[in-house]
């Protein structure tokens, strides 16, 4: 039976030729993401903002003003409402209460639930979460620290494992992936909570895995073809690893697509972040991280030939493997 090949064996795409356009697109998207975060901000979840979050599902899409009126009338502070992807599901956020013990919180939730049930017959309570202001600040600091340490650790690993150019290009590509993810959440207003931090760390892990595979093949080809130009080495390496990159990305995307459709709105933000991270991480591995090595001045070291020897570094694999014709 013939195996399915998404990428033909003889693929020879000139990825480096588009590096100027790729760098320009990467810079533009990064600036747009920074602008979105600066102007719109992130829709911080209760994990980071603190307070009480109540999720209510209504039989039909309700009026947000009416829901806000009902909740504010209970005297627990100004309510912030957000409509989920399902228009019948509303997320209600209340400020942190002075008495934040479990009994007081349950009393607040029951009172809000009862009021909404009377104003909107058929409304059902889904879940609630509460976090104090002190805990939310600690979570923000720990989340940022985890991301920063992960990026720095990956960059140092690439520097010691390969060359300093690989470390710099890896950090640039990962920062680009992170900016795209954060900009996406600023644009879509999905809730940004600890689940998204977990998604961001997972995206970093996937990105570095893809980049290390390509970087390792580049280093191997630099040793094998010492007189070949870096442009040719990078194109050769990316094309050789392209079947693995495409197959890995597609299989992960298929699993995430099923989770996006069947996982419900609670996991929708996490799944959307993962899908975006896989797409952006694959793009940055192929077009940004690899091509950036040329701009950073990476060169293959020429081999020193002994007198009377012939340079065999650019012999093709087919020529090396094929048996020689017997001499007459």
C-alpha atoms as a PDB file:
ATOM      1  CA  UNK A   1       0.000   0.000   0.000  1.00  0.00           C
ATOM      2  CA  UNK A   2       1.327   3.405  -0.973  1.00  0.00           C
ATOM      3  CA  UNK A   3       1.922   5.699   1.970  1.00  0.00           C
ATOM      4  CA  UNK A   4       0.261   9.103   2.059  1.00  0.00           C
ATOM      5  CA  UNK A   5       2.806  11.922   1.657  1.00  0.00           C
ATOM      6  CA  UNK A   6       1.601  15.440   2.314  1.00  0.00           C
ATOM      7  CA  UNK A   7       4.969  16.830   1.221  1.00  0.00           C
ATOM      8  CA  UNK A   8       6.733  15.217  -1.783  1.00  0.00           C
ATOM      9  CA  UNK A   9      10.282  13.953  -1.271  1.00  0.00           C
ATOM     10  CA  UNK A  10      11.669  16.231  -3.968  1.00  0.00           C
ATOM     11  CA  UNK A  11      10.243  19.444  -2.454  1.00  0.00           C
ATOM     12  CA  UNK A  12      12.605  22.366  -3.020  1.00  0.00           C
ATOM     13  CA  UNK A  13      10.963  25.610  -1.891  1.00  0.00           C
ATOM     14  CA  UNK A  14      13.088  28.758  -1.672  1.00  0.00           C
ATOM     15  CA  UNK A  15      11.948  29.913   1.769  1.00  0.00           C
ATOM     16  CA  UNK A  16      14.869  32.300   2.257  1.00  0.00           C
ATOM     17  CA  UNK A  17      13.861  34.295  -0.825  1.00  0.00           C
ATOM     18  CA  UNK A  18      10.809  35.598   1.082  1.00  0.00           C
ATOM     19  CA  UNK A  19      12.715  36.518   4.236  1.00  0.00           C
ATOM     20  CA  UNK A  20      12.419  40.300   3.632  1.00  0.00           C
ATOM     21  CA  UNK A  21       8.626  40.036   3.329  1.00  0.00           C
ATOM     22  CA  UNK A  22       8.501  37.662   6.301  1.00  0.00           C
ATOM     23  CA  UNK A  23      10.520  40.027   8.494  1.00  0.00           C
ATOM     24  CA  UNK A  24       8.313  42.959   7.485  1.00  0.00           C
ATOM     25  CA  UNK A  25       5.116  40.999   8.187  1.00  0.00           C
ATOM     26  CA  UNK A  26       6.469  39.796  11.528  1.00  0.00           C
ATOM     27  CA  UNK A  27       7.394  43.324  12.603  1.00  0.00           C
ATOM     28  CA  UNK A  28       4.025  44.734  11.499  1.00  0.00           C
ATOM     29  CA  UNK A  29       2.024  42.034  13.298  1.00  0.00           C
ATOM     30  CA  UNK A  30       4.111  42.457  16.448  1.00  0.00           C
ATOM     31  CA  UNK A  31       3.522  46.220  16.495  1.00  0.00           C
ATOM     32  CA  UNK A  32      -0.211  45.703  15.929  1.00  0.00           C
ATOM     33  CA  UNK A  33      -0.337  43.216  18.813  1.00  0.00           C
ATOM     34  CA  UNK A  34       1.483  45.631  21.123  1.00  0.00           C
ATOM     35  CA  UNK A  35      -0.888  48.415  20.076  1.00  0.00           C
ATOM     36  CA  UNK A  36      -3.962  46.268  20.767  1.00  0.00           C
ATOM     37  CA  UNK A  37      -2.724  45.355  24.235  1.00  0.00           C
ATOM     38  CA  UNK A  38      -1.837  48.991  25.011  1.00  0.00           C
ATOM     39  CA  UNK A  39      -5.160  50.431  23.801  1.00  0.00           C
ATOM     40  CA  UNK A  40      -7.723  47.690  24.505  1.00  0.00           C
ATOM     41  CA  UNK A  41      -5.995  45.799  27.288  1.00  0.00           C
ATOM     42  CA  UNK A  42      -6.671  42.195  28.223  1.00  0.00           C
ATOM     43  CA  UNK A  43      -9.946  40.846  29.528  1.00  0.00           C
ATOM     44  CA  UNK A  44      -8.460  39.550  32.769  1.00  0.00           C
ATOM     45  CA  UNK A  45     -10.295  36.678  34.379  1.00  0.00           C
ATOM     46  CA  UNK A  46     -10.999  36.365  38.060  1.00  0.00           C
ATOM     47  CA  UNK A  47      -7.646  34.600  38.498  1.00  0.00           C
ATOM     48  CA  UNK A  48      -5.845  37.878  37.727  1.00  0.00           C
ATOM     49  CA  UNK A  49      -8.425  40.595  38.378  1.00  0.00           C
ATOM     50  CA  UNK A  50      -9.767  39.235  41.658  1.00  0.00           C
ATOM     51  CA  UNK A  51     -13.409  39.246  42.731  1.00  0.00           C
ATOM     52  CA  UNK A  52     -16.320  36.915  42.131  1.00  0.00           C
ATOM     53  CA  UNK A  53     -17.279  35.425  38.763  1.00  0.00           C
ATOM     54  CA  UNK A  54     -20.705  33.837  38.196  1.00  0.00           C
ATOM     55  CA  UNK A  55     -21.699  32.110  34.987  1.00  0.00           C
ATOM     56  CA  UNK A  56     -25.416  31.960  34.183  1.00  0.00           C
ATOM     57  CA  UNK A  57     -27.166  30.323  31.233  1.00  0.00           C
ATOM     58  CA  UNK A  58     -30.492  31.716  30.026  1.00  0.00           C
ATOM     59  CA  UNK A  59     -33.165  29.978  27.928  1.00  0.00           C
ATOM     60  CA  UNK A  60     -32.972  32.775  25.320  1.00  0.00           C
ATOM     61  CA  UNK A  61     -30.342  35.520  24.765  1.00  0.00           C
ATOM     62  CA  UNK A  62     -31.166  38.124  27.445  1.00  0.00           C
ATOM     63  CA  UNK A  63     -30.779  41.895  27.480  1.00  0.00           C
ATOM     64  CA  UNK A  64     -27.434  42.717  29.105  1.00  0.00           C
ATOM     65  CA  UNK A  65     -28.838  45.951  30.551  1.00  0.00           C
ATOM     66  CA  UNK A  66     -31.672  44.048  32.210  1.00  0.00           C
ATOM     67  CA  UNK A  67     -29.273  41.453  33.646  1.00  0.00           C
ATOM     68  CA  UNK A  68     -27.000  44.238  34.947  1.00  0.00           C
ATOM     69  CA  UNK A  69     -29.997  45.955  36.592  1.00  0.00           C
ATOM     70  CA  UNK A  70     -31.023  42.778  38.393  1.00  0.00           C
ATOM     71  CA  UNK A  71     -27.496  41.998  39.660  1.00  0.00           C
ATOM     72  CA  UNK A  72     -26.684  45.589  40.714  1.00  0.00           C
ATOM     73  CA  UNK A  73     -29.935  45.749  42.694  1.00  0.00           C
ATOM     74  CA  UNK A  74     -28.568  43.061  45.044  1.00  0.00           C
ATOM     75  CA  UNK A  75     -26.061  45.551  46.484  1.00  0.00           C
ATOM     76  CA  UNK A  76     -22.799  43.680  45.853  1.00  0.00           C
ATOM     77  CA  UNK A  77     -21.173  46.381  43.747  1.00  0.00           C
ATOM     78  CA  UNK A  78     -21.071  47.286  40.062  1.00  0.00           C
ATOM     79  CA  UNK A  79     -21.413  44.171  37.924  1.00  0.00           C
ATOM     80  CA  UNK A  80     -19.407  43.615  34.742  1.00  0.00           C
ATOM     81  CA  UNK A  81     -21.055  41.416  32.140  1.00  0.00           C
ATOM     82  CA  UNK A  82     -19.578  39.507  29.237  1.00  0.00           C
ATOM     83  CA  UNK A  83     -21.418  37.443  26.680  1.00  0.00           C
ATOM     84  CA  UNK A  84     -19.793  34.122  25.793  1.00  0.00           C
ATOM     85  CA  UNK A  85     -19.635  32.645  22.298  1.00  0.00           C
ATOM     86  CA  UNK A  86     -23.021  31.144  23.173  1.00  0.00           C
ATOM     87  CA  UNK A  87     -25.239  34.285  23.393  1.00  0.00           C
ATOM     88  CA  UNK A  88     -27.375  32.601  26.048  1.00  0.00           C
ATOM     89  CA  UNK A  89     -24.445  32.329  28.485  1.00  0.00           C
ATOM     90  CA  UNK A  90     -23.472  35.428  30.469  1.00  0.00           C
ATOM     91  CA  UNK A  91     -20.408  35.837  32.690  1.00  0.00           C
ATOM     92  CA  UNK A  92     -21.089  38.145  35.652  1.00  0.00           C
ATOM     93  CA  UNK A  93     -18.176  39.664  37.563  1.00  0.00           C
ATOM     94  CA  UNK A  94     -18.577  41.294  40.941  1.00  0.00           C
ATOM     95  CA  UNK A  95     -15.933  43.162  42.983  1.00  0.00           C
ATOM     96  CA  UNK A  96     -14.142  41.304  45.765  1.00  0.00           C
ATOM     97  CA  UNK A  97     -16.375  41.224  48.832  1.00  0.00           C
ATOM     98  CA  UNK A  98     -15.175  42.345  52.262  1.00  0.00           C
ATOM     99  CA  UNK A  99     -16.103  39.017  53.802  1.00  0.00           C
ATOM    100  CA  UNK A 100     -14.593  36.535  51.343  1.00  0.00           C
ATOM    101  CA  UNK A 101     -15.042  33.300  53.322  1.00  0.00           C
ATOM    102  CA  UNK A 102     -16.768  30.384  51.647  1.00  0.00           C
ATOM    103  CA  UNK A 103     -20.056  30.812  53.481  1.00  0.00           C
ATOM    104  CA  UNK A 104     -20.388  34.505  52.568  1.00  0.00           C
ATOM    105  CA  UNK A 105     -19.463  33.783  48.957  1.00  0.00           C
ATOM    106  CA  UNK A 106     -22.053  31.037  48.686  1.00  0.00           C
ATOM    107  CA  UNK A 107     -24.661  33.412  50.128  1.00  0.00           C
ATOM    108  CA  UNK A 108     -23.838  36.029  47.453  1.00  0.00           C
ATOM    109  CA  UNK A 109     -24.005  33.419  44.679  1.00  0.00           C
ATOM    110  CA  UNK A 110     -27.361  32.078  45.927  1.00  0.00           C
ATOM    111  CA  UNK A 111     -28.840  35.565  46.162  1.00  0.00           C
ATOM    112  CA  UNK A 112     -27.742  36.488  42.617  1.00  0.00           C
ATOM    113  CA  UNK A 113     -28.925  33.129  41.307  1.00  0.00           C
ATOM    114  CA  UNK A 114     -32.336  33.529  42.947  1.00  0.00           C
ATOM    115  CA  UNK A 115     -32.765  37.075  41.619  1.00  0.00           C
ATOM    116  CA  UNK A 116     -31.866  36.028  38.081  1.00  0.00           C
ATOM    117  CA  UNK A 117     -34.158  33.001  38.277  1.00  0.00           C
ATOM    118  CA  UNK A 118     -37.077  35.248  39.240  1.00  0.00           C
ATOM    119  CA  UNK A 119     -36.334  37.857  36.558  1.00  0.00           C
ATOM    120  CA  UNK A 120     -35.532  35.279  33.847  1.00  0.00           C
ATOM    121  CA  UNK A 121     -37.548  32.077  34.367  1.00  0.00           C
ATOM    122  CA  UNK A 122     -35.591  29.064  33.187  1.00  0.00           C
ATOM    123  CA  UNK A 123     -32.162  30.596  33.826  1.00  0.00           C
ATOM    124  CA  UNK A 124     -29.684  28.039  35.216  1.00  0.00           C
ATOM    125  CA  UNK A 125     -26.521  28.500  37.250  1.00  0.00           C
ATOM    126  CA  UNK A 126     -23.354  26.982  35.690  1.00  0.00           C
ATOM    127  CA  UNK A 127     -20.415  27.740  37.975  1.00  0.00           C
ATOM    128  CA  UNK A 128     -18.653  30.398  40.011  1.00  0.00           C
ATOM    129  CA  UNK A 129     -15.079  31.273  40.999  1.00  0.00           C
ATOM    130  CA  UNK A 130     -13.623  33.704  43.503  1.00  0.00           C
ATOM    131  CA  UNK A 131     -10.100  35.066  44.057  1.00  0.00           C
ATOM    132  CA  UNK A 132      -8.897  37.734  46.506  1.00  0.00           C
ATOM    133  CA  UNK A 133      -6.955  40.760  45.317  1.00  0.00           C
ATOM    134  CA  UNK A 134      -3.746  39.630  47.032  1.00  0.00           C
ATOM    135  CA  UNK A 135      -3.887  36.189  45.450  1.00  0.00           C
ATOM    136  CA  UNK A 136      -4.607  37.654  42.010  1.00  0.00           C
ATOM    137  CA  UNK A 137      -1.508  39.883  42.216  1.00  0.00           C
ATOM    138  CA  UNK A 138       0.611  36.878  43.169  1.00  0.00           C
ATOM    139  CA  UNK A 139      -0.821  34.909  40.242  1.00  0.00           C
ATOM    140  CA  UNK A 140       0.038  37.723  37.812  1.00  0.00           C
ATOM    141  CA  UNK A 141       3.611  37.892  39.078  1.00  0.00           C
ATOM    142  CA  UNK A 142       4.075  34.129  39.029  1.00  0.00           C
ATOM    143  CA  UNK A 143       2.548  33.816  35.563  1.00  0.00           C
ATOM    144  CA  UNK A 144       4.830  36.500  34.104  1.00  0.00           C
ATOM    145  CA  UNK A 145       7.837  34.997  35.869  1.00  0.00           C
ATOM    146  CA  UNK A 146       7.059  31.549  34.448  1.00  0.00           C
ATOM    147  CA  UNK A 147       6.839  32.871  30.896  1.00  0.00           C
ATOM    148  CA  UNK A 148      10.007  35.010  31.157  1.00  0.00           C
ATOM    149  CA  UNK A 149      12.047  32.198  32.700  1.00  0.00           C
ATOM    150  CA  UNK A 150      10.829  29.765  30.052  1.00  0.00           C
ATOM    151  CA  UNK A 151      11.894  32.077  27.202  1.00  0.00           C
ATOM    152  CA  UNK A 152      15.294  32.863  28.759  1.00  0.00           C
ATOM    153  CA  UNK A 153      15.965  29.219  29.566  1.00  0.00           C
ATOM    154  CA  UNK A 154      15.161  28.173  26.011  1.00  0.00           C
ATOM    155  CA  UNK A 155      17.413  30.900  24.597  1.00  0.00           C
ATOM    156  CA  UNK A 156      20.329  29.867  26.831  1.00  0.00           C
ATOM    157  CA  UNK A 157      19.845  26.237  25.869  1.00  0.00           C
ATOM    158  CA  UNK A 158      19.995  27.114  22.163  1.00  0.00           C
ATOM    159  CA  UNK A 159      23.150  29.229  22.703  1.00  0.00           C
ATOM    160  CA  UNK A 160      25.009  26.446  24.528  1.00  0.00           C
ATOM    161  CA  UNK A 161      23.631  23.674  22.315  1.00  0.00           C
ATOM    162  CA  UNK A 162      24.355  25.419  19.012  1.00  0.00           C
ATOM    163  CA  UNK A 163      25.728  28.933  18.355  1.00  0.00           C
ATOM    164  CA  UNK A 164      24.696  32.290  19.806  1.00  0.00           C
ATOM    165  CA  UNK A 165      22.896  33.116  16.549  1.00  0.00           C
ATOM    166  CA  UNK A 166      20.549  30.182  17.103  1.00  0.00           C
ATOM    167  CA  UNK A 167      19.726  31.405  20.602  1.00  0.00           C
ATOM    168  CA  UNK A 168      18.944  34.942  19.444  1.00  0.00           C
ATOM    169  CA  UNK A 169      16.794  33.777  16.518  1.00  0.00           C
ATOM    170  CA  UNK A 170      14.906  31.377  18.790  1.00  0.00           C
ATOM    171  CA  UNK A 171      14.132  34.080  21.360  1.00  0.00           C
ATOM    172  CA  UNK A 172      12.980  36.485  18.621  1.00  0.00           C
ATOM    173  CA  UNK A 173      10.656  33.855  17.142  1.00  0.00           C
ATOM    174  CA  UNK A 174       9.196  32.873  20.521  1.00  0.00           C
ATOM    175  CA  UNK A 175       8.609  36.510  21.516  1.00  0.00           C
ATOM    176  CA  UNK A 176       6.802  36.957  18.195  1.00  0.00           C
ATOM    177  CA  UNK A 177       4.615  33.917  18.954  1.00  0.00           C
ATOM    178  CA  UNK A 178       3.782  35.287  22.410  1.00  0.00           C
ATOM    179  CA  UNK A 179       2.911  38.736  21.061  1.00  0.00           C
ATOM    180  CA  UNK A 180       0.584  37.189  18.486  1.00  0.00           C
ATOM    181  CA  UNK A 181      -1.200  35.201  21.188  1.00  0.00           C
ATOM    182  CA  UNK A 182      -1.583  38.145  23.561  1.00  0.00           C
ATOM    183  CA  UNK A 183      -2.688  40.435  20.705  1.00  0.00           C
ATOM    184  CA  UNK A 184      -5.291  37.875  19.692  1.00  0.00           C
ATOM    185  CA  UNK A 185      -6.795  37.945  23.196  1.00  0.00           C
ATOM    186  CA  UNK A 186      -6.771  41.739  23.244  1.00  0.00           C
ATOM    187  CA  UNK A 187      -8.649  41.737  19.914  1.00  0.00           C
ATOM    188  CA  UNK A 188     -11.205  39.010  20.635  1.00  0.00           C
ATOM    189  CA  UNK A 189     -11.706  39.875  24.340  1.00  0.00           C
ATOM    190  CA  UNK A 190     -11.550  36.231  25.338  1.00  0.00           C
ATOM    191  CA  UNK A 191     -11.027  35.852  29.068  1.00  0.00           C
ATOM    192  CA  UNK A 192      -7.324  35.773  29.978  1.00  0.00           C
ATOM    193  CA  UNK A 193      -6.815  33.530  33.009  1.00  0.00           C
ATOM    194  CA  UNK A 194      -4.488  30.822  34.296  1.00  0.00           C
ATOM    195  CA  UNK A 195      -5.710  28.417  31.619  1.00  0.00           C
ATOM    196  CA  UNK A 196      -4.370  30.795  28.977  1.00  0.00           C
ATOM    197  CA  UNK A 197      -1.024  31.012  30.779  1.00  0.00           C
ATOM    198  CA  UNK A 198      -0.888  27.221  30.548  1.00  0.00           C
ATOM    199  CA  UNK A 199      -1.698  27.494  26.835  1.00  0.00           C
ATOM    200  CA  UNK A 200       1.073  30.082  26.364  1.00  0.00           C
ATOM    201  CA  UNK A 201       3.640  27.819  28.040  1.00  0.00           C
ATOM    202  CA  UNK A 202       2.455  24.925  25.881  1.00  0.00           C
ATOM    203  CA  UNK A 203       2.854  27.073  22.759  1.00  0.00           C
ATOM    204  CA  UNK A 204       6.420  27.934  23.837  1.00  0.00           C
ATOM    205  CA  UNK A 205       7.161  24.224  24.252  1.00  0.00           C
ATOM    206  CA  UNK A 206       5.782  23.391  20.808  1.00  0.00           C
ATOM    207  CA  UNK A 207       7.612  26.274  19.156  1.00  0.00           C
ATOM    208  CA  UNK A 208      10.982  25.369  20.646  1.00  0.00           C
ATOM    209  CA  UNK A 209      10.514  21.724  19.685  1.00  0.00           C
ATOM    210  CA  UNK A 210       9.903  22.678  16.057  1.00  0.00           C
ATOM    211  CA  UNK A 211      12.762  25.178  15.978  1.00  0.00           C
ATOM    212  CA  UNK A 212      15.301  22.833  17.589  1.00  0.00           C
ATOM    213  CA  UNK A 213      14.580  20.158  14.971  1.00  0.00           C
ATOM    214  CA  UNK A 214      15.237  22.626  12.128  1.00  0.00           C
ATOM    215  CA  UNK A 215      18.275  24.163  13.861  1.00  0.00           C
ATOM    216  CA  UNK A 216      19.796  20.740  14.415  1.00  0.00           C
ATOM    217  CA  UNK A 217      19.387  19.881  10.730  1.00  0.00           C
ATOM    218  CA  UNK A 218      20.948  23.228   9.765  1.00  0.00           C
ATOM    219  CA  UNK A 219      23.970  22.488  11.940  1.00  0.00           C
ATOM    220  CA  UNK A 220      24.327  19.006  10.443  1.00  0.00           C
ATOM    221  CA  UNK A 221      24.225  20.389   6.918  1.00  0.00           C
ATOM    222  CA  UNK A 222      26.721  23.129   7.845  1.00  0.00           C
ATOM    223  CA  UNK A 223      29.201  20.376   8.713  1.00  0.00           C
ATOM    224  CA  UNK A 224      28.343  18.284   5.682  1.00  0.00           C
ATOM    225  CA  UNK A 225      28.364  21.051   3.064  1.00  0.00           C
ATOM    226  CA  UNK A 226      31.038  23.432   4.297  1.00  0.00           C
ATOM    227  CA  UNK A 227      31.425  25.289   1.008  1.00  0.00           C
ATOM    228  CA  UNK A 228      27.713  25.732   0.404  1.00  0.00           C
ATOM    229  CA  UNK A 229      26.215  29.174   1.010  1.00  0.00           C
ATOM    230  CA  UNK A 230      24.075  29.614   4.129  1.00  0.00           C
ATOM    231  CA  UNK A 231      21.041  30.443   1.989  1.00  0.00           C
ATOM    232  CA  UNK A 232      21.264  27.053   0.303  1.00  0.00           C
ATOM    233  CA  UNK A 233      21.947  25.252   3.591  1.00  0.00           C
ATOM    234  CA  UNK A 234      18.894  26.800   5.275  1.00  0.00           C
ATOM    235  CA  UNK A 235      16.607  26.063   2.319  1.00  0.00           C
ATOM    236  CA  UNK A 236      17.893  22.493   2.190  1.00  0.00           C
ATOM    237  CA  UNK A 237      17.410  21.991   5.935  1.00  0.00           C
ATOM    238  CA  UNK A 238      13.898  23.462   6.053  1.00  0.00           C
ATOM    239  CA  UNK A 239      12.815  21.385   3.047  1.00  0.00           C
ATOM    240  CA  UNK A 240      14.237  18.225   4.597  1.00  0.00           C
ATOM    241  CA  UNK A 241      12.320  18.767   7.843  1.00  0.00           C
ATOM    242  CA  UNK A 242       9.171  20.118   6.151  1.00  0.00           C
ATOM    243  CA  UNK A 243       7.301  16.756   6.048  1.00  0.00           C
ATOM    244  CA  UNK A 244       7.814  16.339   9.784  1.00  0.00           C
ATOM    245  CA  UNK A 245       6.765  19.951  10.486  1.00  0.00           C
ATOM    246  CA  UNK A 246       3.597  19.742   8.379  1.00  0.00           C
ATOM    247  CA  UNK A 247       2.536  16.343   9.703  1.00  0.00           C
ATOM    248  CA  UNK A 248       3.073  17.344  13.352  1.00  0.00           C
ATOM    249  CA  UNK A 249       1.182  20.624  12.963  1.00  0.00           C
ATOM    250  CA  UNK A 250      -1.760  19.031  11.141  1.00  0.00           C
ATOM    251  CA  UNK A 251      -2.225  16.206  13.640  1.00  0.00           C
ATOM    252  CA  UNK A 252      -2.189  18.649  16.559  1.00  0.00           C
ATOM    253  CA  UNK A 253      -4.606  20.982  14.764  1.00  0.00           C
ATOM    254  CA  UNK A 254      -7.032  18.112  14.137  1.00  0.00           C
ATOM    255  CA  UNK A 255      -7.127  17.303  17.849  1.00  0.00           C
ATOM    256  CA  UNK A 256      -7.545  20.983  18.764  1.00  0.00           C
ATOM    257  CA  UNK A 257     -10.321  21.431  16.182  1.00  0.00           C
ATOM    258  CA  UNK A 258     -12.276  18.600  17.814  1.00  0.00           C
ATOM    259  CA  UNK A 259     -11.709  20.202  21.217  1.00  0.00           C
ATOM    260  CA  UNK A 260     -12.836  23.585  19.870  1.00  0.00           C
ATOM    261  CA  UNK A 261     -16.099  22.148  18.529  1.00  0.00           C
ATOM    262  CA  UNK A 262     -16.920  19.683  21.292  1.00  0.00           C
ATOM    263  CA  UNK A 263     -15.155  21.149  24.328  1.00  0.00           C
ATOM    264  CA  UNK A 264     -17.706  23.847  25.096  1.00  0.00           C
ATOM    265  CA  UNK A 265     -17.204  27.544  25.656  1.00  0.00           C
ATOM    266  CA  UNK A 266     -15.233  27.033  28.885  1.00  0.00           C
ATOM    267  CA  UNK A 267     -12.286  25.634  26.899  1.00  0.00           C
ATOM    268  CA  UNK A 268     -12.819  27.827  23.837  1.00  0.00           C
ATOM    269  CA  UNK A 269     -10.263  30.472  24.827  1.00  0.00           C
ATOM    270  CA  UNK A 270      -7.630  27.863  25.681  1.00  0.00           C
ATOM    271  CA  UNK A 271      -8.223  25.964  22.440  1.00  0.00           C
ATOM    272  CA  UNK A 272      -8.214  29.133  20.316  1.00  0.00           C
ATOM    273  CA  UNK A 273      -4.889  30.166  21.869  1.00  0.00           C
ATOM    274  CA  UNK A 274      -3.406  26.754  21.113  1.00  0.00           C
ATOM    275  CA  UNK A 275      -4.586  26.763  17.489  1.00  0.00           C
ATOM    276  CA  UNK A 276      -3.211  30.239  16.907  1.00  0.00           C
ATOM    277  CA  UNK A 277       0.061  29.281  18.605  1.00  0.00           C
ATOM    278  CA  UNK A 278       0.525  26.199  16.398  1.00  0.00           C
ATOM    279  CA  UNK A 279      -0.071  28.188  13.192  1.00  0.00           C
ATOM    280  CA  UNK A 280       2.107  31.123  14.225  1.00  0.00           C
ATOM    281  CA  UNK A 281       4.814  28.848  15.651  1.00  0.00           C
ATOM    282  CA  UNK A 282       5.050  26.886  12.404  1.00  0.00           C
ATOM    283  CA  UNK A 283       5.290  30.115  10.397  1.00  0.00           C
ATOM    284  CA  UNK A 284       7.988  31.579  12.642  1.00  0.00           C
ATOM    285  CA  UNK A 285      10.020  28.349  12.573  1.00  0.00           C
ATOM    286  CA  UNK A 286      10.101  28.266   8.787  1.00  0.00           C
ATOM    287  CA  UNK A 287      10.259  31.917   7.778  1.00  0.00           C
ATOM    288  CA  UNK A 288      11.551  33.873  10.790  1.00  0.00           C
ATOM    289  CA  UNK A 289      13.863  31.837  12.999  1.00  0.00           C
ATOM    290  CA  UNK A 290      15.749  30.080  10.192  1.00  0.00           C
ATOM    291  CA  UNK A 291      16.142  33.051   7.843  1.00  0.00           C
ATOM    292  CA  UNK A 292      17.200  35.304  10.722  1.00  0.00           C
ATOM    293  CA  UNK A 293      20.410  33.259  11.001  1.00  0.00           C
ATOM    294  CA  UNK A 294      21.627  34.845   7.748  1.00  0.00           C
ATOM    295  CA  UNK A 295      21.005  38.361   9.053  1.00  0.00           C
ATOM    296  CA  UNK A 296      22.917  37.453  12.244  1.00  0.00           C
ATOM    297  CA  UNK A 297      25.973  36.476  10.186  1.00  0.00           C
ATOM    298  CA  UNK A 298      26.023  32.702  10.686  1.00  0.00           C
ATOM    299  CA  UNK A 299      28.454  31.036   8.291  1.00  0.00           C
ATOM    300  CA  UNK A 300      29.642  27.489   7.745  1.00  0.00           C
ATOM    301  CA  UNK A 301      33.321  27.105   8.609  1.00  0.00           C
ATOM    302  CA  UNK A 302      35.392  26.052   5.581  1.00  0.00           C
ATOM    303  CA  UNK A 303      37.177  22.746   5.899  1.00  0.00           C
ATOM    304  CA  UNK A 304      40.948  22.586   5.623  1.00  0.00           C
ATOM    305  CA  UNK A 305      41.925  20.277   2.818  1.00  0.00           C
ATOM    306  CA  UNK A 306      45.064  18.192   2.943  1.00  0.00           C
ATOM    307  CA  UNK A 307      47.400  18.263  -0.065  1.00  0.00           C
ATOM    308  CA  UNK A 308      46.320  15.864  -2.756  1.00  0.00           C
ATOM    309  CA  UNK A 309      42.735  15.485  -1.473  1.00  0.00           C
ATOM    310  CA  UNK A 310      39.553  16.357  -3.349  1.00  0.00           C
ATOM    311  CA  UNK A 311      36.646  18.356  -1.926  1.00  0.00           C
ATOM    312  CA  UNK A 312      33.742  15.927  -1.606  1.00  0.00           C
ATOM    313  CA  UNK A 313      31.528  18.033   0.620  1.00  0.00           C
ATOM    314  CA  UNK A 314      28.955  18.878  -2.024  1.00  0.00           C
ATOM    315  CA  UNK A 315      28.433  15.404  -3.418  1.00  0.00           C
ATOM    316  CA  UNK A 316      24.751  14.568  -3.490  1.00  0.00           C
ATOM    317  CA  UNK A 317      23.329  11.737  -1.442  1.00  0.00           C
ATOM    318  CA  UNK A 318      22.352   9.842  -4.563  1.00  0.00           C
ATOM    319  CA  UNK A 319      25.921   9.994  -5.927  1.00  0.00           C
ATOM    320  CA  UNK A 320      27.387   8.824  -2.617  1.00  0.00           C
ATOM    321  CA  UNK A 321      25.008   5.912  -2.299  1.00  0.00           C
ATOM    322  CA  UNK A 322      25.000   4.750  -5.938  1.00  0.00           C
ATOM    323  CA  UNK A 323      27.627   2.028  -6.713  1.00  0.00           C
ATOM    324  CA  UNK A 324      30.439   3.011  -9.034  1.00  0.00           C
ATOM    325  CA  UNK A 325      30.727   1.505 -12.489  1.00  0.00           C
ATOM    326  CA  UNK A 326      33.581  -1.023 -12.739  1.00  0.00           C
ATOM    327  CA  UNK A 327      36.553   0.243 -14.636  1.00  0.00           C
ATOM    328  CA  UNK A 328      37.436  -1.432 -17.925  1.00  0.00           C
END
